């Protein structure tokens, strides 16, 4: 499905204490990288006993991993138009408890960028759903690419993983890139009046993709 990826390297790693807006606190080992195929400044957060999870992966549970696409409006400002902020909050705690990695991928707006994402919001206000709006702007429904994520996982030593996601396309792409996904663990559903249509569109698209694709687990 994909060609061989170049080998990335760790550029820097540093320990960062985290305190989330609701007061939850933990410590992360934050990794930056050189040689990622898209040239973006993606980050990996090693959470909980991530080192132990790596050591145990051959004979025990796989590390828990969430590739999380950046959402400035949701992750930082608490926008209610999506569920990105609550999913990020959930992921940090669950991965810290289990041991694994949060990959924070700079793929705003499902890969189209911040300004186009806000343009798409305007089209959604006019009646299009989140995918239709992207297409109306001349973009794909979802332009995210997980090749850099596969490079990051390889250099971190993650050979197999439990994927924390509701998006079957993440599992499909990672599988096609040679990453062993042992199981897919869904995140919670964070429904609000402002994001009901958005979540309905995501659920409909995910169901359609699942129906069209073989199981990866």
N, C-alpha and C. Protein backbone atom coordinates (compact mmCIF):
# COMPACT_ATOMS: atom_id res chain seq x y z
N UNK A 1 0.83 -1.21 0.00
CA UNK A 1 0.00 0.00 0.00
C UNK A 1 0.86 1.25 0.00
N UNK A 2 1.96 1.22 0.77
CA UNK A 2 2.88 2.35 0.84
C UNK A 2 4.29 1.86 0.55
N UNK A 3 5.12 2.76 0.03
CA UNK A 3 6.51 2.42 -0.14
C UNK A 3 7.25 2.44 1.18
N UNK A 4 8.50 1.97 1.15
CA UNK A 4 9.31 1.97 2.37
C UNK A 4 9.55 3.39 2.83
N UNK A 5 9.48 3.59 4.13
CA UNK A 5 9.66 4.92 4.70
C UNK A 5 11.11 5.13 5.09
N UNK A 6 11.63 6.35 4.95
CA UNK A 6 12.98 6.62 5.46
C UNK A 6 13.00 6.51 6.98
N UNK A 7 14.17 6.28 7.50
CA UNK A 7 14.33 6.14 8.95
C UNK A 7 14.42 7.52 9.58
N UNK A 8 13.58 7.77 10.56
CA UNK A 8 13.63 9.01 11.33
C UNK A 8 14.53 8.79 12.55
N UNK A 9 14.89 9.88 13.19
CA UNK A 9 15.68 9.82 14.42
C UNK A 9 15.07 10.74 15.46
N UNK A 10 15.37 10.46 16.71
CA UNK A 10 14.95 11.35 17.79
C UNK A 10 15.87 12.56 17.80
N UNK A 11 15.29 13.72 17.78
CA UNK A 11 16.04 14.99 17.80
C UNK A 11 16.34 15.43 19.22
N UNK A 12 15.31 15.43 20.07
CA UNK A 12 15.41 15.85 21.46
C UNK A 12 14.40 15.04 22.27
N UNK A 13 14.74 14.77 23.53
CA UNK A 13 13.74 14.23 24.46
C UNK A 13 13.91 14.93 25.79
N UNK A 14 12.79 15.27 26.39
CA UNK A 14 12.83 16.05 27.62
C UNK A 14 11.62 15.70 28.47
N UNK A 15 11.78 15.71 29.78
CA UNK A 15 10.68 15.42 30.70
C UNK A 15 9.90 16.70 30.97
N UNK A 16 8.58 16.63 30.83
CA UNK A 16 7.70 17.78 31.00
C UNK A 16 6.58 17.42 31.96
N UNK A 17 6.43 18.13 33.09
CA UNK A 17 5.26 17.92 33.95
C UNK A 17 4.03 18.55 33.30
N UNK A 18 2.94 17.83 33.30
CA UNK A 18 1.70 18.30 32.68
C UNK A 18 0.64 18.54 33.75
N UNK A 19 -0.11 19.60 33.59
CA UNK A 19 -1.30 19.82 34.40
C UNK A 19 -2.40 20.31 33.46
N UNK A 20 -3.44 19.50 33.31
CA UNK A 20 -4.52 19.82 32.39
C UNK A 20 -5.52 20.78 33.03
N UNK A 21 -6.38 21.42 32.24
CA UNK A 21 -7.27 22.46 32.78
C UNK A 21 -8.15 22.01 33.94
N UNK A 22 -8.50 20.72 34.00
CA UNK A 22 -9.35 20.25 35.10
C UNK A 22 -8.53 19.86 36.33
N UNK A 23 -7.22 20.05 36.28
CA UNK A 23 -6.37 19.75 37.42
C UNK A 23 -5.63 18.44 37.35
N UNK A 24 -5.99 17.57 36.39
CA UNK A 24 -5.28 16.30 36.27
C UNK A 24 -3.81 16.56 35.94
N UNK A 25 -2.93 15.86 36.65
CA UNK A 25 -1.50 16.09 36.46
C UNK A 25 -0.78 14.76 36.23
N UNK A 26 0.21 14.81 35.38
CA UNK A 26 1.06 13.66 35.13
C UNK A 26 2.38 14.18 34.57
N UNK A 27 3.28 13.27 34.26
CA UNK A 27 4.57 13.64 33.69
C UNK A 27 4.73 12.94 32.36
N UNK A 28 5.26 13.65 31.37
CA UNK A 28 5.47 13.08 30.05
C UNK A 28 6.94 13.18 29.66
N UNK A 29 7.38 12.20 28.92
CA UNK A 29 8.67 12.30 28.23
C UNK A 29 8.34 12.71 26.81
N UNK A 30 8.73 13.91 26.42
CA UNK A 30 8.35 14.47 25.12
C UNK A 30 9.50 14.31 24.14
N UNK A 31 9.18 13.74 22.98
CA UNK A 31 10.17 13.46 21.95
C UNK A 31 9.91 14.33 20.72
N UNK A 32 10.98 14.90 20.15
CA UNK A 32 10.91 15.54 18.85
C UNK A 32 11.77 14.72 17.88
N UNK A 33 11.61 14.97 16.58
CA UNK A 33 12.16 14.06 15.59
C UNK A 33 12.83 14.80 14.43
N UNK A 34 13.76 14.12 13.81
CA UNK A 34 14.36 14.55 12.54
C UNK A 34 14.01 13.52 11.48
N UNK A 35 13.83 14.00 10.24
CA UNK A 35 13.65 13.07 9.13
C UNK A 35 12.24 12.60 8.89
N UNK A 36 11.24 13.27 9.47
CA UNK A 36 9.85 12.88 9.20
C UNK A 36 9.47 13.27 7.78
N UNK A 37 8.70 12.43 7.12
CA UNK A 37 8.47 12.59 5.69
C UNK A 37 7.74 13.88 5.33
N UNK A 38 6.93 14.40 6.23
CA UNK A 38 6.18 15.62 5.90
C UNK A 38 6.84 16.89 6.42
N UNK A 39 7.96 16.75 7.15
CA UNK A 39 8.69 17.91 7.63
C UNK A 39 7.99 18.70 8.72
N UNK A 40 6.94 18.17 9.31
CA UNK A 40 6.20 18.90 10.33
C UNK A 40 6.75 18.60 11.73
N UNK A 41 6.39 19.47 12.68
CA UNK A 41 6.91 19.36 14.05
C UNK A 41 5.96 18.54 14.91
N UNK A 42 5.87 17.25 14.59
CA UNK A 42 5.06 16.34 15.38
C UNK A 42 5.77 16.00 16.70
N UNK A 43 4.99 15.65 17.72
CA UNK A 43 5.53 15.31 19.03
C UNK A 43 5.02 13.94 19.47
N UNK A 44 5.84 13.25 20.23
CA UNK A 44 5.39 12.03 20.92
C UNK A 44 5.52 12.26 22.42
N UNK A 45 4.46 11.95 23.15
CA UNK A 45 4.43 12.06 24.60
C UNK A 45 4.45 10.64 25.17
N UNK A 46 5.56 10.27 25.81
CA UNK A 46 5.61 9.01 26.52
C UNK A 46 4.95 9.20 27.88
N UNK A 47 3.89 8.43 28.14
CA UNK A 47 3.08 8.62 29.34
C UNK A 47 3.05 7.34 30.17
N UNK A 48 2.96 7.53 31.49
CA UNK A 48 2.94 6.38 32.38
C UNK A 48 4.24 5.59 32.25
N UNK A 49 4.15 4.28 32.45
CA UNK A 49 5.34 3.43 32.33
C UNK A 49 5.53 3.05 30.86
N UNK A 50 5.80 4.05 30.04
CA UNK A 50 5.95 3.79 28.60
C UNK A 50 7.17 2.92 28.32
N UNK A 51 8.24 3.11 29.10
CA UNK A 51 9.43 2.30 28.88
C UNK A 51 9.16 0.84 29.22
N UNK A 52 8.42 0.60 30.31
CA UNK A 52 8.06 -0.76 30.66
C UNK A 52 7.14 -1.38 29.62
N UNK A 53 6.22 -0.57 29.08
CA UNK A 53 5.32 -1.07 28.04
C UNK A 53 6.10 -1.50 26.81
N UNK A 54 7.16 -0.76 26.47
CA UNK A 54 8.01 -1.16 25.35
C UNK A 54 8.72 -2.48 25.64
N UNK A 55 9.23 -2.62 26.86
CA UNK A 55 9.96 -3.85 27.20
C UNK A 55 9.03 -5.06 27.17
N UNK A 56 7.78 -4.88 27.57
CA UNK A 56 6.85 -6.00 27.70
C UNK A 56 6.12 -6.34 26.42
N UNK A 57 6.29 -5.55 25.35
CA UNK A 57 5.41 -5.68 24.21
C UNK A 57 5.50 -7.03 23.49
N UNK A 58 6.63 -7.70 23.59
CA UNK A 58 6.76 -8.99 22.90
C UNK A 58 5.96 -10.08 23.60
N UNK A 59 5.88 -10.01 24.93
CA UNK A 59 5.25 -11.09 25.68
C UNK A 59 4.02 -10.65 26.46
N UNK A 60 3.70 -9.36 26.42
CA UNK A 60 2.58 -8.86 27.20
C UNK A 60 1.72 -7.92 26.38
N UNK A 61 0.90 -7.13 27.06
CA UNK A 61 0.04 -6.19 26.34
C UNK A 61 0.85 -5.19 25.54
N UNK A 62 0.31 -4.81 24.40
CA UNK A 62 0.98 -3.81 23.56
C UNK A 62 0.82 -2.44 24.19
N UNK A 63 1.77 -1.53 23.97
CA UNK A 63 1.61 -0.17 24.46
C UNK A 63 0.33 0.47 23.90
N UNK A 64 -0.31 1.28 24.72
CA UNK A 64 -1.50 2.00 24.28
C UNK A 64 -1.04 3.27 23.57
N UNK A 65 -1.56 3.50 22.37
CA UNK A 65 -1.12 4.63 21.55
C UNK A 65 -2.33 5.34 20.96
N UNK A 66 -2.33 6.66 21.06
CA UNK A 66 -3.31 7.46 20.34
C UNK A 66 -2.60 8.44 19.42
N UNK A 67 -2.78 8.34 18.10
CA UNK A 67 -2.38 9.41 17.20
C UNK A 67 -3.48 10.48 17.24
N UNK A 68 -3.17 11.65 17.76
CA UNK A 68 -4.16 12.71 17.94
C UNK A 68 -3.82 13.87 17.03
N UNK A 69 -4.73 14.22 16.13
CA UNK A 69 -4.48 15.32 15.22
C UNK A 69 -4.75 16.64 15.91
N UNK A 70 -3.81 17.54 15.75
CA UNK A 70 -3.91 18.86 16.38
C UNK A 70 -5.24 19.54 16.07
N UNK A 71 -5.82 20.16 17.09
CA UNK A 71 -7.04 20.97 16.93
C UNK A 71 -6.90 22.16 17.87
N UNK A 72 -6.40 23.25 17.35
CA UNK A 72 -6.18 24.43 18.19
C UNK A 72 -7.46 24.87 18.88
N UNK A 73 -8.55 24.94 18.14
CA UNK A 73 -9.79 25.43 18.71
C UNK A 73 -10.33 24.52 19.80
N UNK A 74 -10.22 23.21 19.60
CA UNK A 74 -10.75 22.28 20.59
C UNK A 74 -9.77 21.96 21.71
N UNK A 75 -8.51 21.69 21.36
CA UNK A 75 -7.52 21.27 22.35
C UNK A 75 -7.14 22.39 23.29
N UNK A 76 -7.04 23.62 22.76
CA UNK A 76 -6.54 24.75 23.56
C UNK A 76 -7.68 25.63 24.07
N UNK A 77 -8.64 25.95 23.20
CA UNK A 77 -9.66 26.92 23.56
C UNK A 77 -11.00 26.28 23.95
N UNK A 78 -11.08 24.96 23.93
CA UNK A 78 -12.29 24.30 24.41
C UNK A 78 -13.49 24.45 23.50
N UNK A 79 -13.27 24.59 22.20
CA UNK A 79 -14.39 24.70 21.26
C UNK A 79 -15.35 23.54 21.42
N UNK A 80 -16.63 23.85 21.39
CA UNK A 80 -17.67 22.84 21.49
C UNK A 80 -18.13 22.34 20.12
N UNK A 81 -17.50 22.81 19.05
CA UNK A 81 -17.91 22.39 17.71
C UNK A 81 -17.34 21.02 17.35
N UNK A 82 -16.45 20.51 18.17
CA UNK A 82 -15.87 19.19 17.92
C UNK A 82 -15.71 18.49 19.27
N UNK A 83 -15.15 17.28 19.23
CA UNK A 83 -14.91 16.53 20.47
C UNK A 83 -13.42 16.32 20.71
N UNK A 84 -12.58 17.12 20.03
CA UNK A 84 -11.14 16.89 20.09
C UNK A 84 -10.55 17.12 21.48
N UNK A 85 -10.95 18.21 22.14
CA UNK A 85 -10.42 18.50 23.46
C UNK A 85 -10.71 17.41 24.47
N UNK A 86 -11.99 16.97 24.60
CA UNK A 86 -12.27 15.88 25.53
C UNK A 86 -11.57 14.57 25.18
N UNK A 87 -11.42 14.29 23.88
CA UNK A 87 -10.71 13.06 23.49
C UNK A 87 -9.24 13.14 23.90
N UNK A 88 -8.64 14.31 23.73
CA UNK A 88 -7.25 14.48 24.14
C UNK A 88 -7.11 14.31 25.65
N UNK A 89 -8.00 14.92 26.40
CA UNK A 89 -7.97 14.80 27.86
C UNK A 89 -8.11 13.34 28.29
N UNK A 90 -9.05 12.63 27.69
CA UNK A 90 -9.24 11.22 28.01
C UNK A 90 -7.99 10.41 27.67
N UNK A 91 -7.42 10.68 26.51
CA UNK A 91 -6.27 9.91 26.05
C UNK A 91 -5.08 10.06 26.99
N UNK A 92 -4.81 11.27 27.45
CA UNK A 92 -3.66 11.48 28.33
C UNK A 92 -3.77 10.61 29.58
N UNK A 93 -4.94 10.61 30.20
CA UNK A 93 -5.09 9.83 31.43
C UNK A 93 -5.06 8.33 31.17
N UNK A 94 -5.75 7.89 30.13
CA UNK A 94 -5.79 6.45 29.86
C UNK A 94 -4.41 5.91 29.48
N UNK A 95 -3.67 6.67 28.69
CA UNK A 95 -2.34 6.22 28.32
C UNK A 95 -1.40 6.26 29.52
N UNK A 96 -1.53 7.29 30.36
CA UNK A 96 -0.71 7.36 31.58
C UNK A 96 -0.98 6.15 32.48
N UNK A 97 -2.20 5.70 32.55
CA UNK A 97 -2.54 4.55 33.37
C UNK A 97 -2.01 3.24 32.80
N UNK A 98 -2.04 3.13 31.46
CA UNK A 98 -1.68 1.87 30.82
C UNK A 98 -0.20 1.80 30.43
N UNK A 99 0.40 2.95 30.14
CA UNK A 99 1.75 3.00 29.61
C UNK A 99 1.73 2.99 28.09
N UNK A 100 2.24 4.07 27.49
CA UNK A 100 2.25 4.14 26.04
C UNK A 100 2.56 5.55 25.56
N UNK A 101 2.02 5.88 24.39
CA UNK A 101 2.39 7.14 23.74
C UNK A 101 1.18 7.86 23.17
N UNK A 102 1.19 9.17 23.34
CA UNK A 102 0.30 10.06 22.62
C UNK A 102 1.12 10.71 21.52
N UNK A 103 0.72 10.50 20.27
CA UNK A 103 1.37 11.16 19.15
C UNK A 103 0.55 12.40 18.81
N UNK A 104 1.14 13.57 19.00
CA UNK A 104 0.43 14.81 18.70
C UNK A 104 0.85 15.26 17.32
N UNK A 105 -0.05 15.08 16.36
CA UNK A 105 0.25 15.25 14.95
C UNK A 105 -0.28 16.59 14.45
N UNK A 106 0.57 17.35 13.79
CA UNK A 106 0.23 18.70 13.35
C UNK A 106 -0.57 18.63 12.05
N UNK A 107 -1.80 18.13 12.16
CA UNK A 107 -2.68 17.91 11.01
C UNK A 107 -4.03 18.57 11.28
N UNK A 108 -3.99 19.87 11.48
CA UNK A 108 -5.19 20.65 11.82
C UNK A 108 -6.27 20.48 10.74
N UNK A 109 -7.51 20.38 11.21
CA UNK A 109 -8.65 20.35 10.28
C UNK A 109 -8.66 19.13 9.39
N UNK A 110 -8.31 17.97 9.94
CA UNK A 110 -8.16 16.74 9.16
C UNK A 110 -7.19 16.94 7.99
N UNK A 111 -6.14 17.70 8.27
CA UNK A 111 -5.05 17.85 7.33
C UNK A 111 -5.13 19.05 6.41
N UNK A 112 -6.20 19.87 6.49
CA UNK A 112 -6.33 20.98 5.54
C UNK A 112 -5.79 22.30 6.08
N UNK A 113 -5.53 22.38 7.40
CA UNK A 113 -4.99 23.60 7.98
C UNK A 113 -6.02 24.37 8.78
N UNK A 114 -5.54 25.29 9.59
CA UNK A 114 -6.41 26.02 10.51
C UNK A 114 -7.36 26.97 9.80
N UNK A 115 -6.85 27.84 8.92
CA UNK A 115 -7.73 28.78 8.24
C UNK A 115 -8.77 28.06 7.39
N UNK A 116 -8.37 27.07 6.58
CA UNK A 116 -9.39 26.34 5.83
C UNK A 116 -10.41 25.63 6.73
N UNK A 117 -9.96 25.17 7.90
CA UNK A 117 -10.92 24.55 8.82
C UNK A 117 -12.00 25.54 9.23
N UNK A 118 -11.59 26.77 9.51
CA UNK A 118 -12.57 27.78 9.88
C UNK A 118 -13.45 28.18 8.69
N UNK A 119 -12.87 28.16 7.48
CA UNK A 119 -13.70 28.34 6.28
C UNK A 119 -14.74 27.24 6.18
N UNK A 120 -14.33 26.01 6.50
CA UNK A 120 -15.26 24.88 6.46
C UNK A 120 -16.36 25.05 7.50
N UNK A 121 -16.03 25.61 8.66
CA UNK A 121 -17.06 25.88 9.66
C UNK A 121 -18.15 26.79 9.08
N UNK A 122 -17.72 27.81 8.33
CA UNK A 122 -18.70 28.72 7.74
C UNK A 122 -19.62 27.98 6.78
N UNK A 123 -19.08 27.04 6.02
CA UNK A 123 -19.91 26.26 5.10
C UNK A 123 -20.82 25.30 5.87
N UNK A 124 -20.34 24.80 7.00
CA UNK A 124 -21.20 23.96 7.83
C UNK A 124 -22.38 24.76 8.38
N UNK A 125 -22.13 26.02 8.72
CA UNK A 125 -23.22 26.87 9.19
C UNK A 125 -24.26 27.09 8.09
N UNK A 126 -23.83 26.93 6.83
CA UNK A 126 -24.75 27.10 5.70
C UNK A 126 -25.43 25.79 5.31
N UNK A 127 -25.11 24.69 6.02
CA UNK A 127 -25.85 23.46 5.79
C UNK A 127 -25.05 22.24 5.36
N UNK A 128 -23.76 22.40 5.04
CA UNK A 128 -22.95 21.24 4.66
C UNK A 128 -22.47 20.50 5.90
N UNK A 129 -22.19 19.20 5.75
CA UNK A 129 -21.58 18.52 6.89
C UNK A 129 -20.07 18.70 6.82
N UNK A 130 -19.35 18.21 7.81
CA UNK A 130 -17.92 18.49 7.95
C UNK A 130 -17.11 17.97 6.77
N UNK A 131 -17.52 16.83 6.18
CA UNK A 131 -16.81 16.28 5.05
C UNK A 131 -17.18 17.01 3.76
N UNK A 132 -18.45 17.29 3.58
CA UNK A 132 -18.89 18.04 2.40
C UNK A 132 -18.23 19.41 2.34
N UNK A 133 -18.06 20.04 3.50
CA UNK A 133 -17.45 21.37 3.54
C UNK A 133 -16.00 21.31 3.06
N UNK A 134 -15.25 20.30 3.49
CA UNK A 134 -13.87 20.17 3.03
C UNK A 134 -13.80 20.02 1.51
N UNK A 135 -14.69 19.19 0.97
CA UNK A 135 -14.71 18.96 -0.47
C UNK A 135 -15.10 20.23 -1.21
N UNK A 136 -16.05 20.98 -0.69
CA UNK A 136 -16.48 22.21 -1.32
C UNK A 136 -15.34 23.24 -1.40
N UNK A 137 -14.39 23.13 -0.48
CA UNK A 137 -13.23 24.03 -0.48
C UNK A 137 -12.10 23.53 -1.37
N UNK A 138 -12.32 22.39 -2.03
CA UNK A 138 -11.30 21.85 -2.92
C UNK A 138 -10.35 20.89 -2.27
N UNK A 139 -10.66 20.44 -1.07
CA UNK A 139 -9.83 19.49 -0.35
C UNK A 139 -10.46 18.10 -0.36
N UNK A 140 -9.70 17.12 0.06
CA UNK A 140 -10.27 15.81 0.29
C UNK A 140 -11.10 15.81 1.56
N UNK A 141 -11.96 14.81 1.71
CA UNK A 141 -12.75 14.71 2.94
C UNK A 141 -11.85 14.62 4.16
N UNK A 142 -10.76 13.89 4.03
CA UNK A 142 -9.81 13.72 5.13
C UNK A 142 -8.42 13.58 4.51
N UNK A 143 -7.57 14.57 4.71
CA UNK A 143 -6.25 14.57 4.09
C UNK A 143 -5.14 14.14 5.05
N UNK A 144 -5.51 13.59 6.19
CA UNK A 144 -4.48 13.18 7.14
C UNK A 144 -3.68 11.99 6.61
N UNK A 145 -2.41 11.98 6.95
CA UNK A 145 -1.45 10.99 6.47
C UNK A 145 -0.66 10.51 7.68
N UNK A 146 -0.62 9.19 7.89
CA UNK A 146 0.00 8.66 9.10
C UNK A 146 1.38 8.06 8.85
N UNK A 147 2.01 8.44 7.72
CA UNK A 147 3.38 7.95 7.48
C UNK A 147 4.35 8.46 8.55
N UNK A 148 4.24 9.74 8.90
CA UNK A 148 5.13 10.27 9.95
C UNK A 148 4.88 9.57 11.28
N UNK A 149 3.62 9.26 11.56
CA UNK A 149 3.31 8.53 12.80
C UNK A 149 4.01 7.18 12.81
N UNK A 150 3.99 6.48 11.67
CA UNK A 150 4.66 5.18 11.59
C UNK A 150 6.17 5.34 11.80
N UNK A 151 6.75 6.40 11.23
CA UNK A 151 8.18 6.66 11.47
C UNK A 151 8.47 6.90 12.94
N UNK A 152 7.62 7.69 13.60
CA UNK A 152 7.81 8.00 15.00
C UNK A 152 7.74 6.72 15.84
N UNK A 153 6.75 5.89 15.56
CA UNK A 153 6.60 4.64 16.30
C UNK A 153 7.82 3.75 16.11
N UNK A 154 8.34 3.71 14.89
CA UNK A 154 9.50 2.85 14.62
C UNK A 154 10.71 3.30 15.42
N UNK A 155 10.99 4.61 15.43
CA UNK A 155 12.18 5.08 16.14
C UNK A 155 12.01 4.96 17.66
N UNK A 156 10.77 5.02 18.14
CA UNK A 156 10.52 4.84 19.57
C UNK A 156 10.60 3.38 19.99
N UNK A 157 10.58 2.46 19.03
CA UNK A 157 10.65 1.04 19.34
C UNK A 157 9.31 0.38 19.52
N UNK A 158 8.23 1.03 19.07
CA UNK A 158 6.89 0.44 19.18
C UNK A 158 6.67 -0.49 17.99
N UNK A 159 6.69 -1.79 18.23
CA UNK A 159 6.50 -2.77 17.17
C UNK A 159 5.04 -3.18 17.01
N UNK A 160 4.30 -3.08 18.10
CA UNK A 160 2.89 -3.42 18.09
C UNK A 160 2.20 -2.49 19.07
N UNK A 161 0.92 -2.23 18.84
CA UNK A 161 0.24 -1.26 19.70
C UNK A 161 -1.25 -1.56 19.79
N UNK A 162 -1.82 -1.10 20.89
CA UNK A 162 -3.27 -1.02 21.04
C UNK A 162 -3.65 0.40 20.68
N UNK A 163 -4.54 0.55 19.70
CA UNK A 163 -4.85 1.86 19.13
C UNK A 163 -6.07 2.45 19.83
N UNK A 164 -5.88 3.62 20.43
CA UNK A 164 -6.97 4.33 21.09
C UNK A 164 -7.59 5.30 20.09
N UNK A 165 -8.70 4.91 19.50
CA UNK A 165 -9.29 5.73 18.43
C UNK A 165 -10.68 5.21 18.08
N UNK A 166 -11.51 6.13 17.58
CA UNK A 166 -12.79 5.75 16.99
C UNK A 166 -12.74 5.77 15.46
N UNK A 167 -11.57 6.05 14.90
CA UNK A 167 -11.44 6.25 13.46
C UNK A 167 -10.82 5.02 12.81
N UNK A 168 -11.59 4.24 12.03
CA UNK A 168 -11.02 3.04 11.43
C UNK A 168 -9.93 3.33 10.42
N UNK A 169 -9.90 4.55 9.86
CA UNK A 169 -8.87 4.87 8.87
C UNK A 169 -7.49 4.91 9.50
N UNK A 170 -7.39 5.28 10.77
CA UNK A 170 -6.08 5.26 11.42
C UNK A 170 -5.53 3.85 11.44
N UNK A 171 -6.37 2.89 11.81
CA UNK A 171 -5.92 1.50 11.85
C UNK A 171 -5.56 1.01 10.46
N UNK A 172 -6.35 1.37 9.45
CA UNK A 172 -6.07 0.95 8.09
C UNK A 172 -4.73 1.48 7.60
N UNK A 173 -4.49 2.77 7.81
CA UNK A 173 -3.23 3.35 7.35
C UNK A 173 -2.03 2.75 8.09
N UNK A 174 -2.14 2.65 9.42
CA UNK A 174 -1.02 2.11 10.17
C UNK A 174 -0.73 0.67 9.78
N UNK A 175 -1.78 -0.12 9.57
CA UNK A 175 -1.61 -1.50 9.13
C UNK A 175 -0.90 -1.53 7.78
N UNK A 176 -1.31 -0.64 6.87
CA UNK A 176 -0.67 -0.59 5.56
C UNK A 176 0.77 -0.14 5.62
N UNK A 177 1.14 0.53 6.70
CA UNK A 177 2.52 1.00 6.89
C UNK A 177 3.37 0.02 7.69
N UNK A 178 2.81 -1.16 7.96
CA UNK A 178 3.56 -2.19 8.63
C UNK A 178 3.51 -2.16 10.15
N UNK A 179 2.64 -1.34 10.72
CA UNK A 179 2.48 -1.27 12.18
C UNK A 179 1.45 -2.31 12.60
N UNK A 180 1.79 -3.15 13.56
CA UNK A 180 0.87 -4.18 14.04
C UNK A 180 -0.10 -3.58 15.05
N UNK A 181 -1.37 -3.52 14.70
CA UNK A 181 -2.42 -3.02 15.59
C UNK A 181 -3.09 -4.24 16.22
N UNK A 182 -2.85 -4.46 17.50
CA UNK A 182 -3.38 -5.66 18.16
C UNK A 182 -4.85 -5.54 18.49
N UNK A 183 -5.31 -4.32 18.76
CA UNK A 183 -6.71 -4.07 19.04
C UNK A 183 -6.99 -2.58 18.88
N UNK A 184 -8.25 -2.27 18.63
CA UNK A 184 -8.69 -0.88 18.54
C UNK A 184 -9.61 -0.62 19.72
N UNK A 185 -9.25 0.36 20.54
CA UNK A 185 -9.99 0.69 21.75
C UNK A 185 -10.68 2.02 21.52
N UNK A 186 -12.01 2.07 21.56
CA UNK A 186 -12.70 3.33 21.29
C UNK A 186 -12.55 4.33 22.42
N UNK A 187 -12.60 5.60 22.05
CA UNK A 187 -12.67 6.66 23.05
C UNK A 187 -14.13 6.93 23.38
N UNK A 188 -14.37 7.77 24.37
CA UNK A 188 -15.72 8.16 24.71
C UNK A 188 -16.35 9.02 23.62
N UNK A 189 -17.66 9.18 23.72
CA UNK A 189 -18.40 10.06 22.82
C UNK A 189 -18.80 11.29 23.62
N UNK A 190 -18.39 12.45 23.16
CA UNK A 190 -18.59 13.69 23.90
C UNK A 190 -19.56 14.57 23.14
N UNK A 191 -20.83 14.32 23.39
CA UNK A 191 -21.90 14.98 22.65
C UNK A 191 -22.31 16.29 23.33
N UNK A 192 -22.47 17.34 22.51
CA UNK A 192 -23.02 18.60 22.99
C UNK A 192 -23.95 19.14 21.91
N UNK A 193 -24.83 20.08 22.25
CA UNK A 193 -25.71 20.64 21.21
C UNK A 193 -24.93 21.22 20.03
N UNK A 194 -23.73 21.73 20.30
CA UNK A 194 -22.96 22.38 19.23
C UNK A 194 -22.27 21.40 18.30
N UNK A 195 -22.04 20.15 18.77
CA UNK A 195 -21.31 19.22 17.91
C UNK A 195 -22.12 18.01 17.47
N UNK A 196 -23.42 18.02 17.69
CA UNK A 196 -24.24 16.84 17.38
C UNK A 196 -24.17 16.48 15.89
N UNK A 197 -24.29 17.46 15.02
CA UNK A 197 -24.23 17.17 13.58
C UNK A 197 -22.84 16.69 13.17
N UNK A 198 -21.82 17.30 13.76
CA UNK A 198 -20.44 16.90 13.48
C UNK A 198 -20.21 15.44 13.87
N UNK A 199 -20.64 15.06 15.06
CA UNK A 199 -20.44 13.68 15.51
C UNK A 199 -21.27 12.71 14.69
N UNK A 200 -22.46 13.11 14.28
CA UNK A 200 -23.29 12.24 13.45
C UNK A 200 -22.61 11.98 12.11
N UNK A 201 -22.02 13.01 11.52
CA UNK A 201 -21.32 12.84 10.25
C UNK A 201 -20.11 11.92 10.42
N UNK A 202 -19.37 12.09 11.49
CA UNK A 202 -18.21 11.22 11.73
C UNK A 202 -18.64 9.78 11.92
N UNK A 203 -19.70 9.56 12.70
CA UNK A 203 -20.17 8.21 12.96
C UNK A 203 -20.65 7.54 11.68
N UNK A 204 -21.34 8.30 10.84
CA UNK A 204 -21.84 7.75 9.58
C UNK A 204 -20.69 7.35 8.66
N UNK A 205 -19.69 8.21 8.57
CA UNK A 205 -18.55 7.90 7.71
C UNK A 205 -17.76 6.72 8.25
N UNK A 206 -17.55 6.67 9.56
CA UNK A 206 -16.81 5.55 10.15
C UNK A 206 -17.54 4.24 9.93
N UNK A 207 -18.88 4.25 10.07
CA UNK A 207 -19.65 3.04 9.84
C UNK A 207 -19.55 2.58 8.40
N UNK A 208 -19.56 3.52 7.47
CA UNK A 208 -19.45 3.16 6.06
C UNK A 208 -18.08 2.56 5.75
N UNK A 209 -17.02 3.13 6.32
CA UNK A 209 -15.68 2.61 6.08
C UNK A 209 -15.51 1.24 6.70
N UNK A 210 -16.05 1.04 7.89
CA UNK A 210 -15.95 -0.25 8.55
C UNK A 210 -16.66 -1.33 7.74
N UNK A 211 -17.81 -0.98 7.18
CA UNK A 211 -18.57 -1.94 6.38
C UNK A 211 -17.82 -2.35 5.12
N UNK A 212 -17.00 -1.43 4.60
CA UNK A 212 -16.29 -1.66 3.35
C UNK A 212 -14.91 -2.29 3.54
N UNK A 213 -14.45 -2.39 4.80
CA UNK A 213 -13.06 -2.81 5.05
C UNK A 213 -13.03 -4.07 5.91
N UNK A 214 -12.03 -4.95 5.71
CA UNK A 214 -11.87 -6.11 6.57
C UNK A 214 -11.39 -5.69 7.95
N UNK A 215 -11.66 -6.54 8.94
CA UNK A 215 -11.23 -6.25 10.31
C UNK A 215 -9.71 -6.32 10.39
N UNK A 216 -9.12 -5.41 11.18
CA UNK A 216 -7.69 -5.41 11.39
C UNK A 216 -7.31 -6.00 12.73
N UNK A 217 -8.29 -6.41 13.50
CA UNK A 217 -7.98 -6.91 14.84
C UNK A 217 -8.34 -8.38 14.96
